[in-house]
Each structure stands twice: as structure tokens, then as C-alpha cells.
Amino acid sequence: MAKKQMTFEQKVNKGHSVHDKFVKIVCSSKSEKQTWKFSEKYVRIPEGQDDNGIITDVIKKINADA
């Protein structure tokens, strides 16, 4: 018997506060072959935390990996 799949909302809220924010960050970079590469990541921002600090850290990490 197949399992019932969770909705996207249920997956996102699994184990998190209802008031947490989720942000999609997309960074673009040009490769050595002169083609564009897009990296995207969903980031959870806990309630009461600094949005800019968390987003800046994630962008730095994505750019370091690219």
C-alpha cells in the first residue's frame, strides 16, 4: 500500500514554528565557459531573528561554493 505524500506546506512546517519565514535565495554566476549558473536555496528564518544576517551568510556560502 502506498504512503500518502505530504503537501509542500506540511513539509515546510514539519518541526518548525508557524511564524518562521522561508525565503528562496537565487544567486547567479558566470562559469569559465561563459555560461550562467544559477544556485538556489530555501532558507528558514526563525521568528525573532535578524533576516539580513542570515541571508548574507547564506549568500556568502553559496558564492564560496560556486
N, C-alpha and C. Protein backbone atom coordinates (compact mmCIF):
# COMPACT_ATOMS: atom_id res chain seq x y z
N MET A 1 0.85 -1.17 0.00
CA MET A 1 0.00 0.00 0.00
C MET A 1 0.90 1.24 0.00
N ALA A 2 0.56 2.21 -0.81
CA ALA A 2 1.36 3.42 -0.94
C ALA A 2 1.12 4.38 0.22
N LYS A 3 2.18 5.11 0.56
CA LYS A 3 2.04 6.12 1.60
C LYS A 3 1.45 7.40 1.01
N LYS A 4 0.69 8.11 1.81
CA LYS A 4 0.14 9.38 1.36
C LYS A 4 1.24 10.43 1.45
N GLN A 5 1.47 11.16 0.37
CA GLN A 5 2.51 12.18 0.36
C GLN A 5 2.06 13.42 1.10
N MET A 6 3.03 14.09 1.74
CA MET A 6 2.73 15.33 2.43
C MET A 6 2.66 16.47 1.42
N THR A 7 1.89 17.48 1.72
CA THR A 7 1.84 18.66 0.88
C THR A 7 3.10 19.47 1.11
N PHE A 8 3.36 20.42 0.22
CA PHE A 8 4.54 21.27 0.36
C PHE A 8 4.48 22.03 1.69
N GLU A 9 3.32 22.54 2.05
CA GLU A 9 3.16 23.27 3.31
C GLU A 9 3.49 22.39 4.50
N GLN A 10 3.07 21.14 4.47
CA GLN A 10 3.37 20.23 5.57
C GLN A 10 4.86 19.93 5.66
N LYS A 11 5.52 19.77 4.52
CA LYS A 11 6.96 19.53 4.51
C LYS A 11 7.72 20.72 5.07
N VAL A 12 7.31 21.92 4.67
CA VAL A 12 8.00 23.13 5.12
C VAL A 12 7.80 23.35 6.61
N ASN A 13 6.60 23.12 7.10
CA ASN A 13 6.30 23.39 8.51
C ASN A 13 6.66 22.24 9.45
N LYS A 14 7.17 21.15 8.91
CA LYS A 14 7.49 19.99 9.73
C LYS A 14 8.57 20.35 10.75
N GLY A 15 8.20 20.37 12.00
CA GLY A 15 9.15 20.63 13.06
C GLY A 15 9.54 22.09 13.23
N HIS A 16 8.80 23.01 12.60
CA HIS A 16 9.14 24.42 12.69
C HIS A 16 7.95 25.21 13.23
N SER A 17 8.24 26.39 13.70
CA SER A 17 7.19 27.28 14.19
C SER A 17 6.34 27.77 13.03
N VAL A 18 5.10 28.04 13.31
CA VAL A 18 4.19 28.54 12.28
C VAL A 18 4.61 29.92 11.81
N HIS A 19 5.29 30.68 12.68
CA HIS A 19 5.64 32.06 12.38
C HIS A 19 7.03 32.21 11.76
N ASP A 20 7.73 31.11 11.50
CA ASP A 20 9.03 31.19 10.82
C ASP A 20 8.82 31.65 9.39
N LYS A 21 9.81 32.36 8.86
CA LYS A 21 9.76 32.80 7.47
C LYS A 21 10.62 31.87 6.63
N PHE A 22 10.21 31.66 5.39
CA PHE A 22 11.00 30.91 4.44
C PHE A 22 11.26 31.81 3.24
N VAL A 23 12.53 31.88 2.85
CA VAL A 23 12.94 32.75 1.76
C VAL A 23 13.68 31.90 0.73
N LYS A 24 13.41 32.15 -0.54
CA LYS A 24 14.15 31.48 -1.62
C LYS A 24 15.22 32.44 -2.11
N ILE A 25 16.48 32.00 -2.05
CA ILE A 25 17.60 32.82 -2.48
C ILE A 25 18.14 32.23 -3.77
N VAL A 26 18.28 33.07 -4.79
CA VAL A 26 18.83 32.64 -6.07
C VAL A 26 20.04 33.51 -6.37
N CYS A 27 21.19 32.87 -6.60
CA CYS A 27 22.42 33.57 -6.95
C CYS A 27 22.84 33.13 -8.34
N SER A 28 23.30 34.09 -9.13
CA SER A 28 23.77 33.76 -10.47
C SER A 28 25.26 34.03 -10.56
N SER A 29 25.95 33.20 -11.34
CA SER A 29 27.38 33.41 -11.57
C SER A 29 27.70 32.92 -12.98
N LYS A 30 28.77 33.47 -13.53
CA LYS A 30 29.18 33.10 -14.88
C LYS A 30 30.34 32.11 -14.77
N SER A 31 30.23 31.00 -15.47
CA SER A 31 31.27 29.99 -15.42
C SER A 31 32.42 30.35 -16.36
N GLU A 32 33.47 29.52 -16.34
CA GLU A 32 34.62 29.75 -17.22
C GLU A 32 34.24 29.60 -18.69
N LYS A 33 33.20 28.83 -18.96
CA LYS A 33 32.74 28.62 -20.33
C LYS A 33 31.78 29.74 -20.78
N GLN A 34 31.67 30.79 -19.98
CA GLN A 34 30.82 31.94 -20.27
C GLN A 34 29.34 31.58 -20.31
N THR A 35 28.94 30.60 -19.52
CA THR A 35 27.53 30.27 -19.37
C THR A 35 27.10 30.63 -17.96
N TRP A 36 25.84 30.95 -17.80
CA TRP A 36 25.33 31.35 -16.49
C TRP A 36 24.95 30.12 -15.68
N LYS A 37 25.25 30.19 -14.41
CA LYS A 37 24.90 29.13 -13.47
C LYS A 37 24.04 29.76 -12.38
N PHE A 38 22.93 29.11 -12.07
CA PHE A 38 22.03 29.63 -11.04
C PHE A 38 21.97 28.65 -9.88
N SER A 39 22.27 29.15 -8.70
CA SER A 39 22.19 28.35 -7.47
C SER A 39 21.01 28.87 -6.67
N GLU A 40 20.18 27.97 -6.19
CA GLU A 40 19.03 28.41 -5.39
C GLU A 40 18.96 27.58 -4.11
N LYS A 41 18.44 28.24 -3.08
CA LYS A 41 18.35 27.59 -1.79
C LYS A 41 17.19 28.20 -1.01
N TYR A 42 16.45 27.35 -0.31
CA TYR A 42 15.40 27.82 0.59
C TYR A 42 16.00 27.97 1.98
N VAL A 43 15.74 29.10 2.61
CA VAL A 43 16.32 29.39 3.91
C VAL A 43 15.20 29.66 4.90
N ARG A 44 15.29 29.03 6.07
CA ARG A 44 14.32 29.27 7.14
C ARG A 44 14.88 30.34 8.05
N ILE A 45 14.06 31.34 8.33
CA ILE A 45 14.44 32.40 9.25
C ILE A 45 13.55 32.26 10.48
N PRO A 46 14.13 31.82 11.60
CA PRO A 46 13.33 31.65 12.81
C PRO A 46 12.73 32.97 13.29
N GLU A 47 11.60 32.85 13.95
CA GLU A 47 10.90 34.03 14.46
C GLU A 47 11.79 34.80 15.41
N GLY A 48 11.89 36.12 15.22
CA GLY A 48 12.65 36.98 16.10
C GLY A 48 14.13 37.08 15.76
N GLN A 49 14.58 36.45 14.69
CA GLN A 49 15.99 36.50 14.30
C GLN A 49 16.20 37.57 13.23
N ASP A 50 17.46 37.99 13.06
CA ASP A 50 17.82 39.02 12.09
C ASP A 50 17.80 38.44 10.68
N ASP A 51 16.91 38.96 9.83
CA ASP A 51 16.79 38.46 8.46
C ASP A 51 18.06 38.72 7.66
N ASN A 52 18.57 39.95 7.72
CA ASN A 52 19.71 40.33 6.89
C ASN A 52 20.96 39.53 7.21
N GLY A 53 21.21 39.26 8.47
CA GLY A 53 22.40 38.50 8.86
C GLY A 53 22.37 37.08 8.32
N ILE A 54 21.23 36.42 8.43
CA ILE A 54 21.10 35.04 7.96
C ILE A 54 21.21 34.98 6.44
N ILE A 55 20.54 35.89 5.75
CA ILE A 55 20.56 35.90 4.29
C ILE A 55 21.96 36.20 3.77
N THR A 56 22.65 37.15 4.39
CA THR A 56 24.01 37.49 3.98
C THR A 56 24.95 36.30 4.15
N ASP A 57 24.83 35.58 5.25
CA ASP A 57 25.67 34.40 5.48
C ASP A 57 25.42 33.32 4.43
N VAL A 58 24.16 33.11 4.07
CA VAL A 58 23.82 32.09 3.07
C VAL A 58 24.37 32.49 1.70
N ILE A 59 24.24 33.77 1.34
CA ILE A 59 24.75 34.24 0.04
C ILE A 59 26.26 34.07 -0.03
N LYS A 60 26.97 34.39 1.06
CA LYS A 60 28.42 34.21 1.09
C LYS A 60 28.80 32.75 0.90
N LYS A 61 28.05 31.86 1.55
CA LYS A 61 28.33 30.43 1.43
C LYS A 61 28.08 29.92 0.02
N ILE A 62 26.98 30.36 -0.61
CA ILE A 62 26.67 29.96 -1.98
C ILE A 62 27.75 30.45 -2.94
N ASN A 63 28.17 31.70 -2.79
CA ASN A 63 29.20 32.26 -3.67
C ASN A 63 30.54 31.57 -3.46
N ALA A 64 30.85 31.14 -2.26
CA ALA A 64 32.11 30.44 -2.00
C ALA A 64 32.12 29.08 -2.67
N ASP A 65 30.97 28.42 -2.74
CA ASP A 65 30.87 27.10 -3.35
C ASP A 65 30.87 27.18 -4.88
N ALA A 66 30.47 28.32 -5.42
CA ALA A 66 30.35 28.46 -6.89
C ALA A 66 31.65 28.64 -7.58
